[in-house]
Amino acid sequence: MNIGFDNEKYLQMQSAHIRERIAQFDNKLYLEFGGKLFDDFHASRVLPGFRPDSKMRMLMQLSDQAEIVIVISAEDIEKNKVRGDLGITYDVDVMRLMSIFKDHGLYVGSVVITKYSGQQSAALFKNKLEKLGIKVYNHYPIEGYPSNIPHIVSDEGYGKNDYIETSRPLIVVTAPGPGSGKMAVCLSQLYHEHKRGICAGYAKFETFPIWNIPLKHPVNLAYEAATADLNDINMIDPFHLEAYGKTTVNYNRDVEIFPVLNAMFERIYGKSPYKSPTDMGVNMAGNCICDDEACKEASNQEIIRRYYDSRRRALAGACSDEEVYKIEMLMNQAGITVHDRPVVDAAMKRAEETGAPAAAMELHDGRMVTGKTSDLLGACAALLLNALKELAGIPHDRPVISPAAIEPIQTLKTQYLGSKNPRLHTDEVLIALSVSAASDPNAQKALEQLPNLKGCQAHTSVMVGDVDRKQFMKLSVQATFEAKYENNSVFFPKKGV
């Protein structure tokens, strides 16, 4: 994939722009940080060249000025809300975030529990953090939020929240996920700071949608696809257009809430510092696209992957059909179909030829590798093995796994673990390959190619089990799956894939 984004330019521009924004206020800026701070793989996929940890690296350039405040909702703690990408609860993720920030030399000042109304689980979590020496503050539900401005911006509204003691010019307000209350925490602090004679500022850092590229640019459409479950919609910022006569892109929630925010700013400051939602943002990513065509192509591929993922989750009952329909509409707007993803046709053709589940992978140089279901291997395992042999320059007909490595695994599965499927899955084939590598140089050569699978595209002709899907994720293979079960079963097939 061609590089489409200048990451070094981004780090320099972004940190400089945030410093400028800090200077606009009383050397105190509350920066609402949306999205993922150090593992933004979506951005790295749609902006080739963007490193997943770019935002973390940018903050590290501001480490002497920055203080992290982590926000979590008491309601999310109470219901054990889980991060879908990591499979961990939000309270556990708070601990993980603190550890990672500290490991990178960033100062974590405190944790704020929002929407606190006496939830026992939230109180226990607060107690746990305080025993670790972490400052914890409570913010409470406010009656009439967000429309009753006079009540909200008063001693009975924001005034009832704990004042968060901070010590640095840049306060980065982040959270495990959306809906945690980051914006409300920032605005509450503006109110408290103003009462103390400090004219602190507020800004928002969201990578997407990118405000200074076209509304229907594939990069922005890919963001809509990524947030289809939230029903976010990109739109022209009408406030910016009216104030400056310039067309910029924002999304519906920020545009809808801006009049309320503006009224809050006016009540706190006497005058709003911003004329539009776009004004509040500090994102410089649009200025660092160096190959627009590369970013368009990468984003179109991301939209197709999101489409397949939504269909997979819809089949499993994990999302609505409306989410699928929305991404189909985005594909129409981008002028693409699933056939624009080469591995799809390759996998489906191989499945038709063999009459059984099959898989395909496109290597970085464009070579296409396929895998079929056999008595020994599932389609995903066969694909993985064939791809490694292709990368290592090993002839297809030369085995790299000895029967002595396969048979004990099959015996363990069928005779001792009760499985009716003797075929090896992807994790098992890698174990067998590792065992064979101890005595077979070809197996060792194949094993050494694992890092070269990172970023390769793959597709399977049927749904696969969690083991194979998660193994693709661990190898950073960007895999999609046809939303159908083998033999039209509503369960995973007895024979396996």
Protein backbone atom coordinates (compact mmCIF):
# COMPACT_ATOMS: atom_id res chain seq x y z
CA MET A 1 0.00 0.00 0.00
CA ASN A 2 1.34 3.44 -0.93
CA ILE A 3 2.01 5.91 1.86
CA GLY A 4 -0.65 8.61 1.87
CA PHE A 5 0.01 10.41 5.15
CA ASP A 6 3.07 12.30 6.42
CA ASN A 7 3.27 11.20 10.04
CA GLU A 8 6.27 13.32 11.06
CA LYS A 9 4.66 16.46 9.67
CA TYR A 10 1.53 15.58 11.61
CA LEU A 11 3.38 15.23 14.92
CA GLN A 12 5.03 18.64 14.48
CA MET A 13 1.93 20.48 13.26
CA GLN A 14 -0.42 18.97 15.81
CA SER A 15 1.70 19.67 18.87
CA ALA A 16 2.43 23.23 17.65
CA HIS A 17 -1.27 23.92 17.06
CA ILE A 18 -2.22 22.73 20.55
CA ARG A 19 0.45 24.98 22.06
CA GLU A 20 -1.06 27.91 20.15
CA ARG A 21 -4.51 27.08 21.52
CA ILE A 22 -3.20 26.92 25.10
CA ALA A 23 -1.73 30.41 24.65
CA GLN A 24 -5.13 31.80 23.59
CA PHE A 25 -6.44 31.33 27.14
CA ASP A 26 -5.00 31.87 30.63
CA ASN A 27 -2.39 29.20 29.95
CA LYS A 28 -5.02 26.59 30.85
CA LEU A 29 -6.69 24.43 28.22
CA TYR A 30 -9.07 21.52 28.75
CA LEU A 31 -8.69 19.31 25.68
CA GLU A 32 -11.44 16.75 25.15
CA PHE A 33 -9.64 13.85 23.51
CA GLY A 34 -11.92 11.67 21.39
CA GLY A 35 -11.06 8.33 19.84
CA LYS A 36 -8.23 6.04 20.80
CA LEU A 37 -5.04 7.61 22.07
CA PHE A 38 -2.38 4.99 21.43
CA ASP A 39 -3.99 2.23 19.36
CA ASP A 40 -5.84 4.09 16.61
CA PHE A 41 -5.77 1.32 14.04
CA HIS A 42 -8.72 2.78 12.13
CA ALA A 43 -6.71 5.93 11.40
CA SER A 44 -3.68 3.86 10.37
CA ARG A 45 -5.83 1.87 7.92
CA VAL A 46 -7.53 4.83 6.21
CA LEU A 47 -4.49 7.14 6.31
CA PRO A 48 -1.59 4.89 5.19
CA GLY A 49 1.47 6.18 7.00
CA PHE A 50 -0.40 7.23 10.15
CA ARG A 51 1.07 5.28 13.04
CA PRO A 52 -1.45 3.82 15.52
CA ASP A 53 0.39 5.50 18.40
CA SER A 54 0.75 8.90 16.68
CA LYS A 55 -1.51 10.73 19.11
CA MET A 56 0.38 9.29 22.06
CA ARG A 57 3.69 10.34 20.49
CA MET A 58 2.29 13.80 19.90
CA LEU A 59 1.30 14.09 23.56
CA MET A 60 4.74 12.92 24.59
CA GLN A 61 6.11 16.01 22.84
CA LEU A 62 3.90 18.00 25.22
CA SER A 63 4.64 15.85 28.27
CA ASP A 64 6.08 18.75 30.26
CA GLN A 65 2.79 20.66 29.86
CA ALA A 66 0.23 17.85 29.80
CA GLU A 67 -1.80 16.27 32.58
CA ILE A 68 -4.19 13.36 31.92
CA VAL A 69 -7.65 13.17 33.47
CA ILE A 70 -9.49 9.89 32.83
CA VAL A 71 -13.29 9.95 32.86
CA ILE A 72 -15.58 6.98 33.49
CA SER A 73 -19.34 6.92 33.97
CA ALA A 74 -20.75 5.36 37.12
CA GLU A 75 -23.51 3.90 34.94
CA ASP A 76 -20.91 2.09 32.81
CA ILE A 77 -19.21 0.73 35.93
CA GLU A 78 -22.57 -0.47 37.28
CA LYS A 79 -23.50 -2.38 34.14
CA ASN A 80 -19.99 -3.72 33.50
CA LYS A 81 -19.79 -2.08 30.10
CA VAL A 82 -17.22 -3.81 27.88
CA ARG A 83 -14.88 -2.41 25.22
CA GLY A 84 -15.80 -4.37 22.11
CA ASP A 85 -12.29 -4.32 20.64
CA LEU A 86 -10.47 -5.49 23.78
CA GLY A 87 -13.16 -7.48 25.60
CA ILE A 88 -12.45 -5.79 28.95
CA THR A 89 -14.76 -3.71 31.14
CA TYR A 90 -14.42 0.07 31.26
CA ASP A 91 -13.19 0.08 34.87
CA VAL A 92 -10.43 -2.39 33.98
CA ASP A 93 -9.57 -0.25 30.97
CA VAL A 94 -9.12 2.80 33.23
CA MET A 95 -6.41 0.86 35.07
CA ARG A 96 -4.86 -0.20 31.76
CA LEU A 97 -4.87 3.38 30.44
CA MET A 98 -3.21 4.73 33.58
CA SER A 99 -0.47 2.13 33.35
CA ILE A 100 0.23 2.85 29.68
CA PHE A 101 0.27 6.62 30.17
CA LYS A 102 2.71 6.32 33.04
CA ASP A 103 4.92 3.93 31.05
CA HIS A 104 5.14 6.62 28.35
CA GLY A 105 6.15 9.30 30.81
CA LEU A 106 2.78 11.07 30.87
CA TYR A 107 1.35 12.38 34.13
CA VAL A 108 -2.07 11.02 35.12
CA GLY A 109 -3.51 13.53 37.57
CA SER A 110 -6.84 11.99 38.49
CA VAL A 111 -9.91 9.94 37.60
CA VAL A 112 -13.41 11.44 37.44
CA ILE A 113 -16.51 9.30 38.00
CA THR A 114 -19.41 10.96 36.18
CA LYS A 115 -23.17 10.46 36.62
CA TYR A 116 -22.51 9.35 40.17
CA SER A 117 -25.68 8.83 42.21
CA GLY A 118 -24.52 6.42 44.89
CA GLN A 119 -23.91 3.33 42.76
CA GLN A 120 -22.19 0.81 45.01
CA SER A 121 -19.92 -0.54 42.26
CA ALA A 122 -18.70 2.99 41.49
CA ALA A 123 -18.04 3.65 45.19
CA LEU A 124 -16.03 0.43 45.43
CA PHE A 125 -14.04 1.40 42.33
CA LYS A 126 -13.32 4.83 43.79
CA ASN A 127 -12.14 3.22 47.02
CA LYS A 128 -9.87 0.87 45.04
CA LEU A 129 -8.27 3.77 43.15
CA GLU A 130 -7.78 5.87 46.27
CA LYS A 131 -6.01 2.98 48.01
CA LEU A 132 -3.59 3.04 45.08
CA GLY A 133 -2.92 6.71 45.74
CA ILE A 134 -4.99 8.03 42.82
CA LYS A 135 -7.08 11.15 43.23
CA VAL A 136 -10.75 10.50 42.37
CA TYR A 137 -13.52 13.07 41.91
CA ASN A 138 -17.29 12.67 41.62
CA HIS A 139 -19.50 14.46 39.10
CA TYR A 140 -23.24 14.16 39.46
CA PRO A 141 -26.31 13.99 37.21
CA ILE A 142 -27.70 17.48 36.57
CA GLU A 143 -31.45 17.91 36.21
CA GLY A 144 -32.40 19.43 32.87
CA TYR A 145 -29.04 18.63 31.20
CA PRO A 146 -28.23 19.82 28.56
CA SER A 147 -31.07 22.26 27.82
CA ASN A 148 -31.64 24.09 31.14
CA ILE A 149 -28.61 26.37 30.80
CA PRO A 150 -29.31 28.68 33.79
CA HIS A 151 -29.56 25.69 36.13
CA ILE A 152 -26.61 23.80 34.61
CA VAL A 153 -24.23 26.77 34.77
CA SER A 154 -24.90 27.54 38.40
CA ASP A 155 -23.89 26.45 41.89
CA GLU A 156 -26.74 23.92 41.79
CA GLY A 157 -25.49 22.46 38.50
CA TYR A 158 -21.79 22.37 37.68
CA GLY A 159 -21.17 23.94 41.07
CA LYS A 160 -22.15 20.70 42.82
CA ASN A 161 -19.46 18.73 41.00
CA ASP A 162 -16.13 18.19 42.67
CA TYR A 163 -13.51 20.67 41.49
CA ILE A 164 -10.67 18.73 39.86
CA GLU A 165 -7.34 20.01 41.10
CA THR A 166 -4.87 20.25 38.22
CA SER A 167 -1.34 21.58 38.01
CA ARG A 168 -0.42 21.85 34.33
CA PRO A 169 -1.43 24.09 31.38
CA LEU A 170 -2.82 21.27 29.18
CA ILE A 171 -5.47 19.01 30.69
CA VAL A 172 -6.14 16.06 28.39
CA VAL A 173 -9.57 14.63 29.21
CA THR A 174 -9.95 11.10 27.89
CA ALA A 175 -12.09 8.01 28.58
CA PRO A 176 -12.34 4.27 27.85
CA GLY A 177 -15.14 4.87 25.34
CA PRO A 178 -17.92 7.17 24.13
CA GLY A 179 -20.67 8.45 26.40
CA SER A 180 -18.42 8.70 29.44
CA GLY A 181 -19.00 12.44 29.94
CA LYS A 182 -15.72 14.01 28.79
CA MET A 183 -17.32 17.21 27.47
CA ALA A 184 -19.39 17.73 30.63
CA VAL A 185 -16.23 17.34 32.74
CA CYS A 186 -14.45 19.99 30.66
CA LEU A 187 -17.34 22.46 30.89
CA SER A 188 -17.75 21.86 34.62
CA GLN A 189 -14.08 22.72 35.06
CA LEU A 190 -14.45 25.92 33.01
CA TYR A 191 -17.19 27.00 35.42
CA HIS A 192 -15.09 26.22 38.51
CA GLU A 193 -11.95 27.82 37.05
CA HIS A 194 -13.89 30.98 36.15
CA LYS A 195 -15.14 31.25 39.73
CA ARG A 196 -11.51 31.14 40.80
CA GLY A 197 -10.59 33.95 38.40
CA ILE A 198 -9.01 31.75 35.72
CA CYS A 199 -10.25 32.05 32.13
CA ALA A 200 -9.52 28.47 31.10
CA GLY A 201 -10.20 27.29 27.56
CA TYR A 202 -11.86 24.29 25.96
CA ALA A 203 -10.96 22.53 22.72
CA LYS A 204 -11.82 19.23 21.11
CA PHE A 205 -9.47 16.78 19.46
CA GLU A 206 -11.21 14.31 17.15
CA THR A 207 -9.31 12.81 14.22
CA PHE A 208 -12.52 12.16 12.27
CA PRO A 209 -14.35 13.42 10.39
CA ILE A 210 -11.52 15.47 8.91
CA TRP A 211 -12.87 19.00 8.73
CA ASN A 212 -10.89 20.33 5.74
CA ILE A 213 -11.46 17.59 3.15
CA PRO A 214 -14.73 17.07 1.22
CA LEU A 215 -17.83 15.78 2.98
CA LYS A 216 -18.03 12.67 0.76
CA HIS A 217 -14.31 11.98 0.69
CA PRO A 218 -13.78 8.23 1.30
CA VAL A 219 -11.80 9.00 4.48
CA ASN A 220 -14.86 10.71 5.94
CA LEU A 221 -17.23 8.06 4.60
CA ALA A 222 -15.05 5.41 6.29
CA TYR A 223 -15.54 7.24 9.59
CA GLU A 224 -19.32 7.06 9.11
CA ALA A 225 -18.98 3.34 8.43
CA ALA A 226 -16.90 2.91 11.60
CA THR A 227 -19.54 4.69 13.70
CA ALA A 228 -22.62 3.23 11.99
CA ASP A 229 -23.67 1.72 15.32
CA LEU A 230 -23.73 5.23 16.86
CA ASN A 231 -25.63 6.62 13.87
CA ASP A 232 -23.13 9.46 13.46
CA ILE A 233 -23.65 11.44 10.28
CA ASN A 234 -21.07 13.71 8.67
CA MET A 235 -22.43 17.08 7.63
CA ILE A 236 -21.39 20.56 6.57
CA ASP A 237 -20.89 22.80 9.61
CA PRO A 238 -23.64 25.41 9.11
CA PHE A 239 -22.30 27.70 11.84
CA HIS A 240 -18.85 27.86 10.24
CA LEU A 241 -20.34 28.47 6.81
CA GLU A 242 -22.46 31.34 8.14
CA ALA A 243 -19.63 32.90 10.18
CA TYR A 244 -16.80 32.63 7.64
CA GLY A 245 -18.34 31.66 4.32
CA LYS A 246 -16.17 28.53 4.27
CA THR A 247 -17.31 24.91 3.91
CA THR A 248 -16.01 22.57 6.61
CA VAL A 249 -17.07 19.10 7.76
CA ASN A 250 -18.25 18.10 11.21
CA TYR A 251 -20.66 15.48 12.50
CA ASN A 252 -24.24 15.71 13.61
CA ARG A 253 -23.79 15.44 17.37
CA ASP A 254 -21.32 18.32 17.56
CA VAL A 255 -23.45 20.48 15.28
CA GLU A 256 -26.61 19.73 17.27
CA ILE A 257 -25.01 20.48 20.65
CA PHE A 258 -23.14 23.64 19.57
CA PRO A 259 -25.96 26.12 20.35
CA VAL A 260 -26.10 24.68 23.86
CA LEU A 261 -22.32 24.87 24.26
CA ASN A 262 -22.31 28.40 22.91
CA ALA A 263 -24.91 29.44 25.48
CA MET A 264 -22.84 27.82 28.23
CA PHE A 265 -19.71 29.64 27.08
CA GLU A 266 -21.58 32.94 27.07
CA ARG A 267 -22.92 32.32 30.56
CA ILE A 268 -19.47 31.38 31.90
CA TYR A 269 -17.32 33.93 30.05
CA GLY A 270 -19.87 36.57 29.06
CA LYS A 271 -18.81 35.95 25.46
CA SER A 272 -18.24 32.74 23.49
CA PRO A 273 -14.69 32.21 22.18
CA TYR A 274 -16.00 30.15 19.24
CA LYS A 275 -18.32 30.76 16.31
CA SER A 276 -18.67 27.15 15.17
CA PRO A 277 -18.02 23.53 16.16
CA THR A 278 -15.12 23.55 13.69
CA ASP A 279 -13.55 26.42 15.64
CA MET A 280 -13.46 24.22 18.74
CA GLY A 281 -11.39 21.53 17.00
CA VAL A 282 -7.61 21.36 16.83
CA ASN A 283 -7.15 18.45 14.40
CA MET A 284 -4.40 18.92 11.80
CA ALA A 285 -4.65 15.51 10.08
CA GLY A 286 -6.16 16.91 6.87
CA ASN A 287 -3.06 19.05 6.33
CA CYS A 288 -0.79 16.01 6.40
CA ILE A 289 -2.33 13.92 3.60
CA CYS A 290 0.45 13.62 1.03
CA ASP A 291 -1.16 11.18 -1.43
CA ASP A 292 -4.90 11.67 -1.67
CA GLU A 293 -5.44 8.72 -4.02
CA ALA A 294 -3.69 6.33 -1.63
CA CYS A 295 -5.93 7.50 1.21
CA LYS A 296 -9.05 7.18 -0.95
CA GLU A 297 -8.20 3.60 -1.92
CA ALA A 298 -7.35 2.62 1.66
CA SER A 299 -10.60 4.16 2.92
CA ASN A 300 -12.70 2.40 0.29
CA GLN A 301 -11.21 -0.90 1.43
CA GLU A 302 -12.03 0.00 5.04
CA ILE A 303 -15.66 0.68 4.14
CA ILE A 304 -15.93 -2.77 2.55
CA ARG A 305 -14.35 -4.39 5.61
CA ARG A 306 -16.80 -2.54 7.86
CA TYR A 307 -19.64 -3.78 5.67
CA TYR A 308 -18.58 -7.39 6.07
CA ASP A 309 -18.09 -6.94 9.81
CA SER A 310 -21.58 -5.48 10.22
CA ARG A 311 -23.07 -8.39 8.24
CA ARG A 312 -21.15 -10.86 10.42
CA ARG A 313 -22.43 -9.23 13.61
CA ALA A 314 -25.97 -8.96 12.23
CA LEU A 315 -25.96 -12.69 11.52
CA ALA A 316 -24.85 -13.30 15.10
CA GLY A 317 -27.56 -10.97 16.42
CA ALA A 318 -25.01 -8.42 17.66
CA CYS A 319 -26.20 -5.47 15.56
CA SER A 320 -29.28 -4.33 13.66
CA ASP A 321 -30.02 -4.65 9.96
CA GLU A 322 -30.19 -0.84 9.84
CA GLU A 323 -26.45 -0.69 10.52
CA VAL A 324 -25.83 -2.96 7.54
CA TYR A 325 -28.13 -0.86 5.34
CA LYS A 326 -26.31 2.32 6.34
CA ILE A 327 -22.93 0.93 5.29
CA GLU A 328 -24.44 -0.34 2.04
CA MET A 329 -25.55 3.23 1.39
CA LEU A 330 -22.04 4.50 2.13
CA MET A 331 -20.64 1.98 -0.35
CA ASN A 332 -23.04 3.33 -2.96
CA GLN A 333 -21.90 6.89 -2.22
CA ALA A 334 -18.27 5.81 -2.61
CA GLY A 335 -19.08 3.97 -5.85
CA ILE A 336 -17.69 0.65 -4.66
CA THR A 337 -18.88 -2.95 -4.28
CA VAL A 338 -17.49 -6.02 -2.53
CA HIS A 339 -15.85 -6.97 -5.85
CA ASP A 340 -13.47 -4.05 -5.34
CA ARG A 341 -11.90 -6.19 -2.63
CA PRO A 342 -9.87 -8.75 -4.69
CA VAL A 343 -9.69 -11.42 -1.98
CA VAL A 344 -13.49 -11.75 -1.98
CA ASP A 345 -13.75 -13.08 -5.54
CA ALA A 346 -10.62 -15.22 -5.07
CA ALA A 347 -12.05 -16.92 -1.96
CA MET A 348 -15.48 -17.45 -3.48
CA LYS A 349 -14.00 -18.88 -6.68
CA ARG A 350 -11.87 -21.34 -4.71
CA ALA A 351 -14.91 -22.40 -2.64
CA GLU A 352 -16.91 -23.01 -5.82
CA GLU A 353 -14.09 -25.09 -7.31
CA THR A 354 -13.70 -27.29 -4.22
CA GLY A 355 -17.30 -27.40 -3.03
CA ALA A 356 -16.15 -26.62 0.52
CA PRO A 357 -15.20 -23.56 2.60
CA ALA A 358 -12.16 -21.74 1.25
CA ALA A 359 -10.10 -18.64 2.00
CA ALA A 360 -7.87 -16.22 0.12
CA MET A 361 -5.09 -13.80 1.08
CA GLU A 362 -3.52 -10.98 -0.90
CA LEU A 363 0.15 -10.48 -0.08
CA HIS A 364 1.73 -7.03 -0.09
CA ASP A 365 3.14 -7.46 -3.59
CA GLY A 366 -0.27 -8.41 -5.00
CA ARG A 367 0.24 -12.18 -5.10
CA MET A 368 -2.97 -14.06 -4.29
CA VAL A 369 -2.83 -17.18 -2.10
CA THR A 370 -5.77 -19.47 -1.37
CA GLY A 371 -6.52 -22.24 1.09
CA LYS A 372 -9.11 -25.03 0.96
CA THR A 373 -10.71 -27.32 3.52
CA SER A 374 -9.06 -30.73 3.77
CA ASP A 375 -9.06 -33.71 6.11
CA LEU A 376 -6.11 -32.25 8.02
CA LEU A 377 -6.61 -28.51 7.86
CA GLY A 378 -9.44 -26.01 7.96
CA ALA A 379 -9.52 -23.38 5.20
CA CYS A 380 -8.01 -20.65 7.41
CA ALA A 381 -5.20 -22.90 8.63
CA ALA A 382 -4.45 -24.01 5.06
CA LEU A 383 -4.44 -20.39 3.90
CA LEU A 384 -2.04 -19.37 6.64
CA LEU A 385 0.33 -22.21 5.88
CA ASN A 386 0.21 -21.58 2.11
CA ALA A 387 0.87 -17.87 2.58
CA LEU A 388 3.92 -18.52 4.77
CA LYS A 389 5.31 -21.03 2.24
CA GLU A 390 4.74 -18.55 -0.59
CA LEU A 391 6.56 -15.78 1.29
CA ALA A 392 9.43 -18.16 2.15
CA GLY A 393 9.76 -19.37 -1.45
CA ILE A 394 8.92 -22.96 -0.53
CA PRO A 395 7.22 -25.03 -3.27
CA HIS A 396 3.54 -25.61 -2.64
CA ASP A 397 3.88 -29.40 -2.78
CA ARG A 398 6.67 -29.54 -0.20
CA PRO A 399 5.30 -30.22 3.33
CA VAL A 400 6.63 -28.12 6.20
CA ILE A 401 4.68 -29.81 8.98
CA SER A 402 5.46 -33.41 9.78
CA PRO A 403 2.67 -35.90 10.53
CA ALA A 404 4.41 -36.42 13.87
CA ALA A 405 3.50 -32.85 14.79
CA ILE A 406 -0.09 -33.00 13.50
CA GLU A 407 -1.23 -36.37 14.85
CA PRO A 408 -0.73 -35.63 18.59
CA ILE A 409 -2.77 -32.44 18.25
CA GLN A 410 -5.56 -34.31 16.47
CA THR A 411 -5.51 -37.03 19.12
CA LEU A 412 -5.66 -34.44 21.89
CA LYS A 413 -8.65 -32.72 20.25
CA THR A 414 -10.74 -35.77 19.44
CA GLN A 415 -9.87 -38.33 22.12
CA TYR A 416 -9.21 -36.13 25.14
CA LEU A 417 -11.01 -32.81 24.55
CA GLY A 418 -14.17 -34.24 22.99
CA SER A 419 -13.99 -32.41 19.66
CA LYS A 420 -15.54 -34.07 16.63
CA ASN A 421 -13.40 -31.96 14.31
CA PRO A 422 -9.88 -33.33 13.79
CA ARG A 423 -8.84 -30.48 11.47
CA LEU A 424 -6.27 -28.01 12.73
CA HIS A 425 -7.27 -24.39 13.29
CA THR A 426 -4.89 -21.48 12.74
CA ASP A 427 -3.47 -21.50 16.28
CA GLU A 428 -2.92 -25.25 16.14
CA VAL A 429 -1.20 -25.16 12.76
CA LEU A 430 1.22 -22.54 14.08
CA ILE A 431 2.02 -24.75 17.07
CA ALA A 432 2.61 -27.70 14.73
CA LEU A 433 4.80 -25.51 12.51
CA SER A 434 6.82 -24.39 15.53
CA VAL A 435 7.39 -27.99 16.59
CA SER A 436 8.46 -28.95 13.06
CA ALA A 437 10.81 -25.94 12.87
CA ALA A 438 13.05 -27.57 15.47
CA SER A 439 14.15 -30.20 12.95
CA ASP A 440 13.09 -28.86 9.51
CA PRO A 441 14.84 -25.77 8.04
CA ASN A 442 11.92 -25.15 5.67
CA ALA A 443 9.49 -25.05 8.56
CA GLN A 444 11.80 -22.54 10.28
CA LYS A 445 11.91 -20.39 7.12
CA ALA A 446 8.11 -20.44 6.92
CA LEU A 447 7.74 -19.54 10.60
CA GLU A 448 10.05 -16.55 10.17
CA GLN A 449 7.64 -15.05 7.63
CA LEU A 450 4.87 -14.45 10.21
CA PRO A 451 5.68 -10.72 10.63
CA ASN A 452 5.24 -10.24 6.87
CA LEU A 453 1.55 -11.14 7.14
CA LYS A 454 0.87 -7.87 8.97
CA GLY A 455 -1.50 -5.73 6.93
CA CYS A 456 -2.29 -8.43 4.36
CA GLN A 457 -5.92 -8.78 3.23
CA ALA A 458 -7.89 -12.02 3.66
CA HIS A 459 -11.42 -13.31 3.10
CA THR A 460 -13.24 -16.57 3.85
CA SER A 461 -16.23 -18.00 2.02
CA VAL A 462 -18.11 -18.76 5.26
CA MET A 463 -18.19 -17.59 8.86
CA VAL A 464 -15.34 -18.91 10.99
CA GLY A 465 -15.00 -19.63 14.67
CA ASP A 466 -13.62 -17.15 17.19
CA VAL A 467 -10.27 -18.96 17.31
CA ASP A 468 -9.47 -18.31 13.65
CA ARG A 469 -10.94 -14.79 13.68
CA LYS A 470 -8.90 -13.76 16.71
CA GLN A 471 -5.76 -15.37 15.30
CA PHE A 472 -6.06 -13.17 12.20
CA MET A 473 -6.35 -10.17 14.52
CA LYS A 474 -3.24 -11.19 16.48
CA LEU A 475 -1.30 -11.46 13.22
CA SER A 476 -2.71 -8.05 12.10
CA VAL A 477 -4.22 -9.67 9.00
CA GLN A 478 -7.18 -7.58 7.84
CA ALA A 479 -9.70 -10.37 7.35
CA THR A 480 -13.35 -10.38 6.30
CA PHE A 481 -15.84 -13.23 6.30
CA GLU A 482 -18.92 -14.09 4.27
CA ALA A 483 -21.96 -13.76 6.49
CA LYS A 484 -23.16 -17.34 6.17
CA TYR A 485 -22.59 -20.56 8.02
CA GLU A 486 -21.42 -23.74 6.37
CA ASN A 487 -24.35 -26.03 5.44
CA ASN A 488 -26.74 -23.15 6.31
CA SER A 489 -26.51 -24.13 9.96
CA VAL A 490 -27.38 -21.52 12.56
CA PHE A 491 -24.46 -22.89 14.58
CA PHE A 492 -20.83 -23.17 13.64
CA PRO A 493 -20.46 -26.26 11.43
CA LYS A 494 -19.75 -29.58 13.08
CA LYS A 495 -16.97 -30.28 10.61
CA GLY A 496 -15.25 -26.99 11.33
CA VAL A 497 -13.62 -24.60 8.91
